[in-house]
C-alpha atoms as a PDB file:
ATOM      1  CA  MET A   1     -46.048 -13.322  -8.975  1.00  0.00           C
ATOM      2  CA  ARG A   2     -42.355 -12.588  -8.520  1.00  0.00           C
ATOM      3  CA  SER A   3     -41.323  -9.669  -6.343  1.00  0.00           C
ATOM      4  CA  ASP A   4     -38.611  -7.153  -7.171  1.00  0.00           C
ATOM      5  CA  SER A   5     -36.368  -8.764  -4.569  1.00  0.00           C
ATOM      6  CA  ASP A   6     -36.793 -12.153  -6.260  1.00  0.00           C
ATOM      7  CA  GLU A   7     -35.812 -10.666  -9.622  1.00  0.00           C
ATOM      8  CA  ASP A   8     -32.796  -8.921  -8.101  1.00  0.00           C
ATOM      9  CA  SER A   9     -31.713 -12.175  -6.448  1.00  0.00           C
ATOM     10  CA  SER A  10     -32.109 -14.087  -9.707  1.00  0.00           C
ATOM     11  CA  GLU A  11     -30.108 -11.504 -11.627  1.00  0.00           C
ATOM     12  CA  ALA A  12     -27.345 -11.553  -9.013  1.00  0.00           C
ATOM     13  CA  THR A  13     -27.171 -15.351  -9.285  1.00  0.00           C
ATOM     14  CA  GLU A  14     -26.902 -15.174 -13.080  1.00  0.00           C
ATOM     15  CA  VAL A  15     -24.079 -12.638 -12.834  1.00  0.00           C
ATOM     16  CA  GLN A  16     -22.249 -14.845 -10.344  1.00  0.00           C
ATOM     17  CA  LEU A  17     -22.619 -17.905 -12.575  1.00  0.00           C
ATOM     18  CA  ALA A  18     -21.276 -15.924 -15.548  1.00  0.00           C
ATOM     19  CA  GLN A  19     -18.244 -14.879 -13.519  1.00  0.00           C
ATOM     20  CA  LEU A  20     -17.540 -18.490 -12.557  1.00  0.00           C
ATOM     21  CA  CYS A  21     -18.046 -19.898 -16.069  1.00  0.00           C
ATOM     22  CA  ALA A  22     -14.997 -21.681 -17.511  1.00  0.00           C
ATOM     23  CA  VAL A  23     -15.470 -20.110 -20.962  1.00  0.00           C
ATOM     24  CA  GLY A  24     -15.751 -16.537 -22.121  1.00  0.00           C
ATOM     25  CA  LEU A  25     -19.264 -15.090 -21.956  1.00  0.00           C
ATOM     26  CA  ALA A  26     -20.445 -11.748 -23.290  1.00  0.00           C
ATOM     27  CA  LEU A  27     -23.669  -9.981 -24.195  1.00  0.00           C
ATOM     28  CA  ILE A  28     -23.289  -8.422 -27.647  1.00  0.00           C
ATOM     29  CA  ARG A  29     -25.513  -5.752 -29.178  1.00  0.00           C
ATOM     30  CA  TYR A  30     -26.213  -5.772 -32.914  1.00  0.00           C
ATOM     31  CA  PRO A  31     -25.747  -4.739 -35.634  1.00  0.00           C
ATOM     32  CA  GLU A  32     -22.577  -2.951 -34.412  1.00  0.00           C
ATOM     33  CA  VAL A  33     -21.344  -6.090 -32.540  1.00  0.00           C
ATOM     34  CA  VAL A  34     -20.799  -3.979 -29.424  1.00  0.00           C
ATOM     35  CA  ILE A  35     -19.880  -5.489 -26.055  1.00  0.00           C
ATOM     36  CA  GLU A  36     -22.399  -4.670 -23.328  1.00  0.00           C
ATOM     37  CA  THR A  37     -20.943  -6.871 -20.603  1.00  0.00           C
ATOM     38  CA  ALA A  38     -18.471  -9.745 -20.354  1.00  0.00           C
ATOM     39  CA  ASN A  39     -17.038 -12.129 -17.795  1.00  0.00           C
ATOM     40  CA  PRO A  40     -13.312 -12.256 -16.831  1.00  0.00           C
ATOM     41  CA  ILE A  41     -12.547 -15.173 -19.173  1.00  0.00           C
ATOM     42  CA  PHE A  42     -13.932 -13.258 -22.134  1.00  0.00           C
ATOM     43  CA  LEU A  43     -11.868 -10.215 -21.156  1.00  0.00           C
ATOM     44  CA  SER A  44      -8.696 -12.284 -20.897  1.00  0.00           C
ATOM     45  CA  LEU A  45      -9.267 -13.710 -24.384  1.00  0.00           C
ATOM     46  CA  LEU A  46      -9.292 -10.142 -25.654  1.00  0.00           C
ATOM     47  CA  GLY A  47      -6.123  -9.377 -23.722  1.00  0.00           C
ATOM     48  CA  GLU A  48      -7.978  -6.992 -21.422  1.00  0.00           C
ATOM     49  CA  ARG A  49      -8.475  -6.868 -17.641  1.00  0.00           C
ATOM     50  CA  ASN A  50     -11.015  -4.124 -17.111  1.00  0.00           C
ATOM     51  CA  LEU A  51     -14.632  -4.418 -18.262  1.00  0.00           C
ATOM     52  CA  GLU A  52     -14.847  -0.663 -18.688  1.00  0.00           C
ATOM     53  CA  ALA A  53     -12.055  -0.857 -21.270  1.00  0.00           C
ATOM     54  CA  VAL A  54     -14.227  -2.981 -23.561  1.00  0.00           C
ATOM     55  CA  ARG A  55     -17.792  -1.926 -22.704  1.00  0.00           C
ATOM     56  CA  GLY A  56     -19.324  -0.107 -25.665  1.00  0.00           C
ATOM     57  CA  GLN A  57     -16.496  -1.230 -27.982  1.00  0.00           C
ATOM     58  CA  SER A  58     -17.073  -3.239 -31.156  1.00  0.00           C
ATOM     59  CA  LEU A  59     -15.600  -6.736 -31.279  1.00  0.00           C
ATOM     60  CA  ARG A  60     -14.076  -5.744 -34.624  1.00  0.00           C
ATOM     61  CA  ARG A  61     -11.446  -3.889 -32.601  1.00  0.00           C
ATOM     62  CA  TRP A  62     -10.015  -7.293 -31.663  1.00  0.00           C
ATOM     63  CA  PHE A  63     -11.354  -9.517 -34.446  1.00  0.00           C
ATOM     64  CA  PRO A  64     -11.706  -7.502 -37.679  1.00  0.00           C
ATOM     65  CA  GLU A  65     -12.790 -10.515 -39.727  1.00  0.00           C
ATOM     66  CA  ILE A  66     -16.109 -11.460 -38.116  1.00  0.00           C
ATOM     67  CA  PRO A  67     -18.074 -13.650 -40.576  1.00  0.00           C
ATOM     68  CA  ARG A  68     -21.299 -12.315 -42.014  1.00  0.00           C
ATOM     69  CA  SER A  69     -23.222 -15.297 -40.664  1.00  0.00           C
ATOM     70  CA  ALA A  70     -22.437 -14.097 -37.130  1.00  0.00           C
ATOM     71  CA  LEU A  71     -23.596 -10.576 -37.906  1.00  0.00           C
ATOM     72  CA  LEU A  72     -26.965 -11.881 -39.099  1.00  0.00           C
ATOM     73  CA  GLN A  73     -27.729 -13.985 -36.047  1.00  0.00           C
ATOM     74  CA  THR A  74     -30.063 -11.606 -34.280  1.00  0.00           C
ATOM     75  CA  GLU A  75     -31.347  -9.894 -37.390  1.00  0.00           C
ATOM     76  CA  THR A  76     -33.292 -12.994 -38.475  1.00  0.00           C
ATOM     77  CA  SER A  77     -36.436 -14.537 -37.076  1.00  0.00           C
ATOM     78  CA  GLU A  78     -34.578 -17.353 -35.326  1.00  0.00           C
ATOM     79  CA  ARG A  79     -36.197 -18.382 -32.073  1.00  0.00           C
ATOM     80  CA  PRO A  80     -34.334 -17.942 -28.762  1.00  0.00           C
ATOM     81  CA  GLY A  81     -31.937 -20.786 -28.070  1.00  0.00           C
ATOM     82  CA  THR A  82     -30.904 -21.217 -31.703  1.00  0.00           C
ATOM     83  CA  ARG A  83     -27.142 -21.652 -31.755  1.00  0.00           C
ATOM     84  CA  ARG A  84     -24.565 -21.205 -34.460  1.00  0.00           C
ATOM     85  CA  SER A  85     -20.835 -21.811 -34.190  1.00  0.00           C
ATOM     86  CA  PHE A  86     -17.844 -20.446 -36.038  1.00  0.00           C
ATOM     87  CA  CYS A  87     -14.174 -19.669 -35.557  1.00  0.00           C
ATOM     88  CA  LEU A  88     -12.376 -16.330 -35.210  1.00  0.00           C
ATOM     89  CA  ARG A  89      -8.678 -15.599 -35.461  1.00  0.00           C
ATOM     90  CA  ARG A  90      -6.391 -12.624 -35.044  1.00  0.00           C
ATOM     91  CA  LEU A  91      -2.692 -11.883 -35.205  1.00  0.00           C
ATOM     92  CA  ARG A  92      -1.590 -10.694 -31.783  1.00  0.00           C
ATOM     93  CA  SER A  93       0.972  -7.978 -31.136  1.00  0.00           C
ATOM     94  CA  ASP A  94       3.704 -10.569 -30.484  1.00  0.00           C
ATOM     95  CA  GLY A  95       3.205 -12.039 -33.957  1.00  0.00           C
ATOM     96  CA  SER A  96       1.451 -15.203 -32.777  1.00  0.00           C
ATOM     97  CA  TRP A  97      -1.979 -16.313 -33.924  1.00  0.00           C
ATOM     98  CA  GLN A  98      -4.927 -16.586 -31.563  1.00  0.00           C
ATOM     99  CA  ILE A  99      -7.737 -18.891 -32.667  1.00  0.00           C
ATOM    100  CA  VAL A 100     -11.025 -19.000 -30.751  1.00  0.00           C
ATOM    101  CA  ASP A 101     -14.199 -21.045 -31.155  1.00  0.00           C
ATOM    102  CA  VAL A 102     -17.386 -19.022 -30.795  1.00  0.00           C
ATOM    103  CA  ALA A 103     -21.042 -19.938 -30.280  1.00  0.00           C
ATOM    104  CA  VAL A 104     -23.794 -17.330 -30.659  1.00  0.00           C
ATOM    105  CA  CYS A 105     -27.352 -17.532 -29.258  1.00  0.00           C
ATOM    106  CA  PRO A 106     -29.853 -14.720 -29.969  1.00  0.00           C
ATOM    107  CA  VAL A 107     -31.785 -13.244 -27.059  1.00  0.00           C
ATOM    108  CA  HIS A 108     -34.979 -11.395 -27.962  1.00  0.00           C
ATOM    109  CA  GLU A 109     -35.284  -8.920 -25.108  1.00  0.00           C
ATOM    110  CA  SER A 110     -36.256  -6.124 -27.464  1.00  0.00           C
ATOM    111  CA  PRO A 111     -36.924  -6.496 -31.213  1.00  0.00           C
ATOM    112  CA  SER A 112     -35.637  -2.973 -31.811  1.00  0.00           C
ATOM    113  CA  VAL A 113     -32.293  -3.678 -30.095  1.00  0.00           C
ATOM    114  CA  PRO A 114     -31.184  -7.194 -31.143  1.00  0.00           C
ATOM    115  CA  LYS A 115     -28.658  -8.867 -28.870  1.00  0.00           C
ATOM    116  CA  ALA A 116     -26.904 -12.209 -28.565  1.00  0.00           C
ATOM    117  CA  VAL A 117     -24.922 -14.142 -25.983  1.00  0.00           C
ATOM    118  CA  TRP A 118     -21.459 -15.076 -27.197  1.00  0.00           C
ATOM    119  CA  THR A 119     -19.435 -17.898 -25.685  1.00  0.00           C
ATOM    120  CA  MET A 120     -15.762 -17.979 -26.598  1.00  0.00           C
ATOM    121  CA  ALA A 121     -13.002 -20.511 -25.932  1.00  0.00           C
ATOM    122  CA  GLU A 122      -9.419 -20.470 -27.181  1.00  0.00           C
ATOM    123  CA  ARG A 123      -8.351 -23.289 -29.439  1.00  0.00           C
ATOM    124  CA  ILE A 124      -5.098 -24.760 -28.175  1.00  0.00           C
ATOM    125  CA  SER A 125      -4.133 -26.824 -31.202  1.00  0.00           C
ATOM    126  CA  ASP A 126      -4.064 -25.671 -34.804  1.00  0.00           C
ATOM    127  CA  PRO A 127      -7.182 -26.482 -36.814  1.00  0.00           C
ATOM    128  CA  ALA A 128      -6.916 -29.378 -39.245  1.00  0.00           C
ATOM    129  CA  GLY A 129      -7.547 -29.128 -42.932  1.00  0.00           C
ATOM    130  CA  GLY A 130      -4.882 -26.632 -43.941  1.00  0.00           C
ATOM    131  CA  GLN A 131      -7.046 -23.528 -43.807  1.00  0.00           C
ATOM    132  CA  PRO A 132      -5.413 -20.576 -45.545  1.00  0.00           C
ATOM    133  CA  TRP A 133      -5.052 -18.690 -42.270  1.00  0.00           C
ATOM    134  CA  CYS A 134      -3.262 -21.453 -40.360  1.00  0.00           C
ATOM    135  CA  PRO A 135       0.042 -20.344 -38.805  1.00  0.00           C
ATOM    136  CA  GLN A 136       2.014 -22.585 -41.196  1.00  0.00           C
ATOM    137  CA  GLU A 137       0.690 -20.565 -44.099  1.00  0.00           C
ATOM    138  CA  HIS A 138       2.149 -17.433 -42.534  1.00  0.00           C
ATOM    139  CA  ARG A 139       5.663 -18.792 -42.131  1.00  0.00           C
ATOM    140  CA  ASP A 140       8.583 -18.448 -44.500  1.00  0.00           C
ATOM    141  CA  PRO A 141       9.808 -22.021 -45.170  1.00  0.00           C
ATOM    142  CA  LEU A 142      13.456 -20.966 -45.619  1.00  0.00           C
ATOM    143  CA  THR A 143      14.015 -18.911 -42.463  1.00  0.00           C
ATOM    144  CA  GLY A 144      11.070 -19.792 -40.206  1.00  0.00           C
ATOM    145  CA  LEU A 145      10.161 -16.099 -39.926  1.00  0.00           C
ATOM    146  CA  TYR A 146       6.697 -14.775 -40.730  1.00  0.00           C
ATOM    147  CA  ASN A 147       6.014 -14.050 -44.395  1.00  0.00           C
ATOM    148  CA  ARG A 148       4.292 -11.308 -46.414  1.00  0.00           C
ATOM    149  CA  ARG A 149       0.865 -12.843 -45.820  1.00  0.00           C
ATOM    150  CA  ALA A 150       1.371 -12.564 -42.063  1.00  0.00           C
ATOM    151  CA  LEU A 151       2.569  -8.974 -42.402  1.00  0.00           C
ATOM    152  CA  ASP A 152      -0.462  -8.035 -44.514  1.00  0.00           C
ATOM    153  CA  ALA A 153      -2.845  -9.656 -42.014  1.00  0.00           C
ATOM    154  CA  ARG A 154      -1.245  -7.870 -39.072  1.00  0.00           C
ATOM    155  CA  LEU A 155      -1.256  -4.527 -40.898  1.00  0.00           C
ATOM    156  CA  ASP A 156      -4.901  -4.984 -41.886  1.00  0.00           C
ATOM    157  CA  ALA A 157      -5.752  -5.604 -38.220  1.00  0.00           C
ATOM    158  CA  ASP A 158      -3.773  -2.563 -37.065  1.00  0.00           C
ATOM    159  CA  VAL A 159      -5.474  -0.340 -39.631  1.00  0.00           C
ATOM    160  CA  ALA A 160      -8.904  -1.708 -38.696  1.00  0.00           C
ATOM    161  CA  GLU A 161      -8.156  -0.885 -35.047  1.00  0.00           C
ATOM    162  CA  ASP A 162      -6.819   2.543 -36.110  1.00  0.00           C
ATOM    163  CA  ARG A 163      -3.512   1.979 -34.344  1.00  0.00           C
ATOM    164  CA  ASP A 164      -0.246   3.877 -34.707  1.00  0.00           C
ATOM    165  CA  VAL A 165       2.431   1.618 -36.190  1.00  0.00           C
ATOM    166  CA  LEU A 166       5.889   1.869 -37.677  1.00  0.00           C
ATOM    167  CA  LEU A 167       6.928  -0.325 -40.611  1.00  0.00           C
ATOM    168  CA  CYS A 168      10.538  -0.887 -41.661  1.00  0.00           C
ATOM    169  CA  ILE A 169      11.451  -2.794 -44.832  1.00  0.00           C
ATOM    170  CA  LEU A 170      15.123  -3.593 -45.395  1.00  0.00           C
ATOM    171  CA  ASP A 171      17.219  -5.576 -47.812  1.00  0.00           C
ATOM    172  CA  LEU A 172      20.847  -6.560 -48.339  1.00  0.00           C
ATOM    173  CA  ASP A 173      22.780  -4.393 -50.775  1.00  0.00           C
ATOM    174  CA  ASP A 174      24.109  -6.211 -53.861  1.00  0.00           C
ATOM    175  CA  PHE A 175      22.984  -9.621 -52.595  1.00  0.00           C
ATOM    176  CA  ALA A 176      22.139 -10.780 -56.134  1.00  0.00           C
ATOM    177  CA  ALA A 177      25.850 -11.158 -56.819  1.00  0.00           C
ATOM    178  CA  VAL A 178      26.050 -13.907 -54.188  1.00  0.00           C
ATOM    179  CA  ASN A 179      23.422 -15.959 -55.996  1.00  0.00           C
ATOM    180  CA  GLN A 180      25.195 -15.503 -59.307  1.00  0.00           C
ATOM    181  CA  ARG A 181      28.680 -16.319 -58.022  1.00  0.00           C
ATOM    182  CA  TYR A 182      28.144 -18.935 -55.296  1.00  0.00           C
ATOM    183  CA  GLY A 183      24.754 -20.466 -56.061  1.00  0.00           C
ATOM    184  CA  HIS A 184      21.421 -20.724 -54.289  1.00  0.00           C
ATOM    185  CA  GLU A 185      22.535 -23.066 -51.498  1.00  0.00           C
ATOM    186  CA  THR A 186      25.143 -20.619 -50.225  1.00  0.00           C
ATOM    187  CA  ALA A 187      22.759 -17.689 -50.654  1.00  0.00           C
ATOM    188  CA  ASP A 188      20.033 -19.523 -48.715  1.00  0.00           C
ATOM    189  CA  ALA A 189      22.478 -20.285 -45.894  1.00  0.00           C
ATOM    190  CA  MET A 190      23.333 -16.594 -45.702  1.00  0.00           C
ATOM    191  CA  LEU A 191      19.666 -15.598 -45.579  1.00  0.00           C
ATOM    192  CA  ARG A 192      19.058 -18.028 -42.724  1.00  0.00           C
ATOM    193  CA  GLU A 193      21.983 -16.519 -40.829  1.00  0.00           C
ATOM    194  CA  VAL A 194      20.690 -12.983 -41.433  1.00  0.00           C
ATOM    195  CA  ALA A 195      17.236 -14.045 -40.204  1.00  0.00           C
ATOM    196  CA  HIS A 196      18.782 -15.505 -37.044  1.00  0.00           C
ATOM    197  CA  ARG A 197      20.703 -12.294 -36.374  1.00  0.00           C
ATOM    198  CA  LEU A 198      17.587 -10.205 -36.857  1.00  0.00           C
ATOM    199  CA  GLU A 199      15.753 -12.386 -34.340  1.00  0.00           C
ATOM    200  CA  THR A 200      18.438 -11.655 -31.745  1.00  0.00           C
ATOM    201  CA  VAL A 201      17.952  -7.866 -31.911  1.00  0.00           C
ATOM    202  CA  VAL A 202      14.300  -7.322 -32.921  1.00  0.00           C
ATOM    203  CA  PRO A 203      12.046  -7.171 -29.807  1.00  0.00           C
ATOM    204  CA  SER A 204       9.611 -10.029 -29.246  1.00  0.00           C
ATOM    205  CA  HIS A 205       6.556  -7.756 -29.473  1.00  0.00           C
ATOM    206  CA  ALA A 206       7.459  -6.788 -33.061  1.00  0.00           C
ATOM    207  CA  LEU A 207       6.528  -8.793 -36.144  1.00  0.00           C
ATOM    208  CA  LEU A 208       9.619  -9.888 -38.048  1.00  0.00           C
ATOM    209  CA  ALA A 209       9.005 -11.231 -41.546  1.00  0.00           C
ATOM    210  CA  ARG A 210      10.878 -12.242 -44.674  1.00  0.00           C
ATOM    211  CA  LEU A 211       9.032 -10.790 -47.652  1.00  0.00           C
ATOM    212  CA  GLY A 212      10.975 -12.690 -50.299  1.00  0.00           C
ATOM    213  CA  GLY A 213      14.497 -12.775 -51.694  1.00  0.00           C
ATOM    214  CA  ASP A 214      16.757 -10.741 -49.407  1.00  0.00           C
ATOM    215  CA  GLU A 215      13.957  -8.430 -48.218  1.00  0.00           C
ATOM    216  CA  PHE A 216      12.812  -8.379 -44.597  1.00  0.00           C
ATOM    217  CA  ALA A 217      10.229  -6.356 -42.656  1.00  0.00           C
ATOM    218  CA  VAL A 218       9.867  -5.255 -39.037  1.00  0.00           C
ATOM    219  CA  LEU A 219       6.487  -3.998 -37.826  1.00  0.00           C
ATOM    220  CA  LEU A 220       6.555  -2.097 -34.535  1.00  0.00           C
ATOM    221  CA  ASP A 221       3.993  -0.458 -32.308  1.00  0.00           C
ATOM    222  CA  ARG A 222       4.242   3.293 -32.756  1.00  0.00           C
ATOM    223  CA  ASP A 223       4.301   3.562 -28.953  1.00  0.00           C
ATOM    224  CA  MET A 224       8.068   3.029 -29.107  1.00  0.00           C
ATOM    225  CA  GLU A 225       9.982   6.242 -28.540  1.00  0.00           C
ATOM    226  CA  SER A 226      11.935   7.572 -31.510  1.00  0.00           C
ATOM    227  CA  GLN A 227      15.233   7.081 -29.663  1.00  0.00           C
ATOM    228  CA  ALA A 228      14.404   3.405 -29.093  1.00  0.00           C
ATOM    229  CA  VAL A 229      13.500   2.936 -32.762  1.00  0.00           C
ATOM    230  CA  GLU A 230      16.749   4.560 -33.893  1.00  0.00           C
ATOM    231  CA  ALA A 231      18.746   2.418 -31.465  1.00  0.00           C
ATOM    232  CA  LEU A 232      17.036  -0.686 -32.834  1.00  0.00           C
ATOM    233  CA  LEU A 233      17.889   0.280 -36.414  1.00  0.00           C
ATOM    234  CA  TRP A 234      21.556   0.778 -35.550  1.00  0.00           C
ATOM    235  CA  ASN A 235      21.539  -2.598 -33.757  1.00  0.00           C
ATOM    236  CA  ILE A 236      20.085  -4.210 -36.874  1.00  0.00           C
ATOM    237  CA  GLU A 237      22.858  -2.725 -39.009  1.00  0.00           C
ATOM    238  CA  SER A 238      25.506  -3.884 -36.550  1.00  0.00           C
ATOM    239  CA  ALA A 239      24.128  -7.418 -36.360  1.00  0.00           C
ATOM    240  CA  VAL A 240      23.630  -7.896 -40.094  1.00  0.00           C
ATOM    241  CA  GLY A 241      26.840  -6.106 -41.078  1.00  0.00           C
ATOM    242  CA  GLU A 242      29.101  -8.455 -39.137  1.00  0.00           C
ATOM    243  CA  ALA A 243      30.927 -10.821 -41.482  1.00  0.00           C
ATOM    244  CA  ILE A 244      29.203 -14.129 -42.266  1.00  0.00           C
ATOM    245  CA  VAL A 245      31.642 -17.047 -42.401  1.00  0.00           C
ATOM    246  CA  LEU A 246      30.623 -20.007 -44.559  1.00  0.00           C
ATOM    247  CA  GLU A 247      32.884 -22.820 -45.731  1.00  0.00           C
ATOM    248  CA  GLY A 248      35.978 -20.902 -44.713  1.00  0.00           C
ATOM    249  CA  ALA A 249      35.056 -17.718 -46.567  1.00  0.00           C
ATOM    250  CA  ALA A 250      33.714 -14.465 -45.091  1.00  0.00           C
ATOM    251  CA  TRP A 251      31.115 -12.136 -46.600  1.00  0.00           C
ATOM    252  CA  SER A 252      29.945  -8.766 -45.353  1.00  0.00           C
ATOM    253  CA  PHE A 253      26.854  -6.853 -46.409  1.00  0.00           C
ATOM    254  CA  SER A 254      25.571  -3.351 -46.059  1.00  0.00           C
ATOM    255  CA  ILE A 255      21.824  -2.869 -45.840  1.00  0.00           C
ATOM    256  CA  SER A 256      19.272  -0.322 -46.996  1.00  0.00           C
ATOM    257  CA  ALA A 257      15.942   0.346 -45.328  1.00  0.00           C
ATOM    258  CA  GLY A 258      12.768   2.355 -45.680  1.00  0.00           C
ATOM    259  CA  VAL A 259      10.674   3.436 -42.697  1.00  0.00           C
ATOM    260  CA  CYS A 260       7.075   4.648 -42.623  1.00  0.00           C
ATOM    261  CA  HIS A 261       5.228   6.035 -39.597  1.00  0.00           C
ATOM    262  CA  HIS A 262       1.497   5.320 -39.790  1.00  0.00           C
ATOM    263  CA  ARG A 263      -0.545   7.467 -37.452  1.00  0.00           C
ATOM    264  CA  SER A 264      -4.110   6.705 -36.446  1.00  0.00           C
ATOM    265  CA  GLY A 265      -6.762   8.738 -38.190  1.00  0.00           C
ATOM    266  CA  SER A 266      -4.730   9.087 -41.396  1.00  0.00           C
ATOM    267  CA  GLY A 267      -7.235   7.045 -43.378  1.00  0.00           C
ATOM    268  CA  ARG A 268      -4.486   5.099 -45.148  1.00  0.00           C
ATOM    269  CA  GLY A 269      -4.803   1.369 -45.708  1.00  0.00           C
ATOM    270  CA  ALA A 270      -2.224  -1.387 -45.296  1.00  0.00           C
ATOM    271  CA  GLU A 271      -1.330  -1.344 -49.000  1.00  0.00           C
ATOM    272  CA  SER A 272      -0.542   2.368 -48.828  1.00  0.00           C
ATOM    273  CA  ILE A 273       1.708   1.861 -45.783  1.00  0.00           C
ATOM    274  CA  VAL A 274       3.727  -0.824 -47.570  1.00  0.00           C
ATOM    275  CA  ARG A 275       3.976   1.267 -50.739  1.00  0.00           C
ATOM    276  CA  ARG A 276       5.260   4.308 -48.851  1.00  0.00           C
ATOM    277  CA  THR A 277       7.802   2.179 -47.002  1.00  0.00           C
ATOM    278  CA  ASP A 278       9.008   0.710 -50.310  1.00  0.00           C
ATOM    279  CA  GLN A 279       9.407   4.214 -51.745  1.00  0.00           C
ATOM    280  CA  ALA A 280      11.563   5.184 -48.782  1.00  0.00           C
ATOM    281  CA  LEU A 281      13.644   2.016 -49.277  1.00  0.00           C
ATOM    282  CA  TYR A 282      14.242   2.796 -52.959  1.00  0.00           C
ATOM    283  CA  LEU A 283      15.335   6.328 -52.033  1.00  0.00           C
ATOM    284  CA  SER A 284      17.775   4.958 -49.481  1.00  0.00           C
ATOM    285  CA  LYS A 285      19.297   2.571 -52.040  1.00  0.00           C
ATOM    286  CA  ALA A 286      19.621   5.411 -54.553  1.00  0.00           C
ATOM    287  CA  HIS A 287      21.890   7.242 -52.066  1.00  0.00           C
ATOM    288  CA  LYS A 288      24.067   4.301 -51.017  1.00  0.00           C
ATOM    289  CA  GLN A 289      27.237   6.218 -51.859  1.00  0.00           C
ATOM    290  CA  ASP A 290      26.546   9.436 -49.960  1.00  0.00           C
ATOM    291  CA  ARG A 291      23.932   8.698 -47.264  1.00  0.00           C
ATOM    292  CA  SER A 292      24.810   9.256 -43.604  1.00  0.00           C
ATOM    293  CA  ARG A 293      22.621   6.370 -42.365  1.00  0.00           C
ATOM    294  CA  PHE A 294      21.230   3.250 -44.008  1.00  0.00           C
ATOM    295  CA  TRP A 295      17.529   4.088 -43.655  1.00  0.00           C
ATOM    296  CA  THR A 296      15.195   6.731 -45.050  1.00  0.00           C
ATOM    297  CA  VAL A 297      11.963   7.807 -43.395  1.00  0.00           C
ATOM    298  CA  PHE A 298       9.112   8.370 -45.835  1.00  0.00           C
ATOM    299  CA  GLY A 299       8.501  12.073 -46.246  1.00  0.00           C
ATOM    300  CA  ASP A 300      11.790  13.109 -44.609  1.00  0.00           C
ATOM    301  CA  GLY A 301      14.254  12.503 -47.435  1.00  0.00           C
ATOM    302  CA  THR A 302      17.670  10.852 -47.123  1.00  0.00           C
ATOM    303  CA  PRO A 303      20.339  12.490 -44.924  1.00  0.00           C
ATOM    304  CA  VAL A 304      23.574  12.661 -46.928  1.00  0.00           C
ATOM    305  CA  ARG A 305      27.174  13.136 -45.870  1.00  0.00           C
ATOM    306  CA  PRO A 306      28.626  16.603 -46.519  1.00  0.00           C
ATOM    307  CA  ASN A 307      31.270  16.754 -49.247  1.00  0.00           C
ATOM    308  CA  LEU A 308      34.728  18.308 -48.772  1.00  0.00           C
ATOM    309  CA  CYS A 309      33.607  21.741 -49.924  1.00  0.00           C
ATOM    310  CA  GLN A 310      30.710  21.799 -47.483  1.00  0.00           C
ATOM    311  CA  ILE A 311      32.961  20.687 -44.628  1.00  0.00           C
ATOM    312  CA  LEU A 312      35.507  23.409 -45.323  1.00  0.00           C
ATOM    313  CA  LEU A 313      32.858  26.095 -45.667  1.00  0.00           C
ATOM    314  CA  GLY A 314      31.263  24.906 -42.456  1.00  0.00           C
ATOM    315  CA  GLN A 315      34.627  25.364 -40.735  1.00  0.00           C
ATOM    316  CA  GLY A 316      34.692  28.986 -41.834  1.00  0.00           C
ATOM    317  CA  ALA A 317      36.854  28.776 -44.944  1.00  0.00           C
ATOM    318  CA  SER A 318      36.347  31.722 -47.295  1.00  0.00           C
ATOM    319  CA  TYR A 319      37.035  30.577 -50.822  1.00  0.00           C
ATOM    320  CA  GLY A 320      35.502  31.534 -54.113  1.00  0.00           C
ATOM    321  CA  GLN A 321      32.705  29.665 -55.794  1.00  0.00           C
ATOM    322  CA  ASP A 322      34.968  28.497 -58.626  1.00  0.00           C
ATOM    323  CA  TRP A 323      37.333  26.872 -56.132  1.00  0.00           C
ATOM    324  CA  CYS A 324      34.474  25.049 -54.400  1.00  0.00           C
ATOM    325  CA  MET A 325      33.168  23.729 -57.691  1.00  0.00           C
ATOM    326  CA  SER A 326      36.637  22.502 -58.685  1.00  0.00           C
ATOM    327  CA  ILE A 327      36.973  20.194 -55.670  1.00  0.00           C
ATOM    328  CA  CYS A 328      33.352  19.084 -55.264  1.00  0.00           C
END
């Protein structure tokens, strides 16, 4: 018969072995897929350092797309020691993909509270077979930036984690004329140059994507202060607006942009965020002639430049209404 001290010693040894394990280990409670405890390797794979930051949290916070087969592991009559393997992936905040291999073994401590031990190891190389979620499938072949699929995946993950984000969609004004006048090769060269300039000013933690044609997107953490966001937008305009010289000729473009702030708890999905940002972009383009800045924030309207009458009245001029109407 084992004494309490023997059991304590055995448990301490198991904890020590888990801490020294070269792969991520965690005890997961079902059906919520909640983390009860985890070793340092497992924490690092989640991008966390403190166990208390993850204890009691669902793994869906980090990996929204957990396969159903994993969720059923401990809900079946499988005997202890049965092992199933699968792969998880997520788009990290820096825009890169993390791919991990997972093995799950049920532990039947209590039938009423099913649990499983998860082992997790990061996959260094890309998986073979051209799976639809491989990084190559999330790259724009013309510019090398991320594409709409990558943006949608990242937004879906942010919404699932109920995070605050800011989405900006921008395009080049009157770019279609370049295609019509100079051809696709010249237009493609210009788009590659624009993409390169955007990369020089957009922070590395943001996701920068080309959505198609001359349309680009920047997805930022909402943790950025409003002044920093505004400074970034002006830097984008400055970088893109500088003349592009190709084959001895110079072209300059103005840009229009829509911005949408998504706040946690709003209940909106990724599709709604993109739609609202597009609406703001269309409003900005509709005011190209009189706007005071190139972007419009959804829900705020487009700031416009005052006309001559408004300027004079603001300076204290006292003229009749008929006079104002005649010059405005």
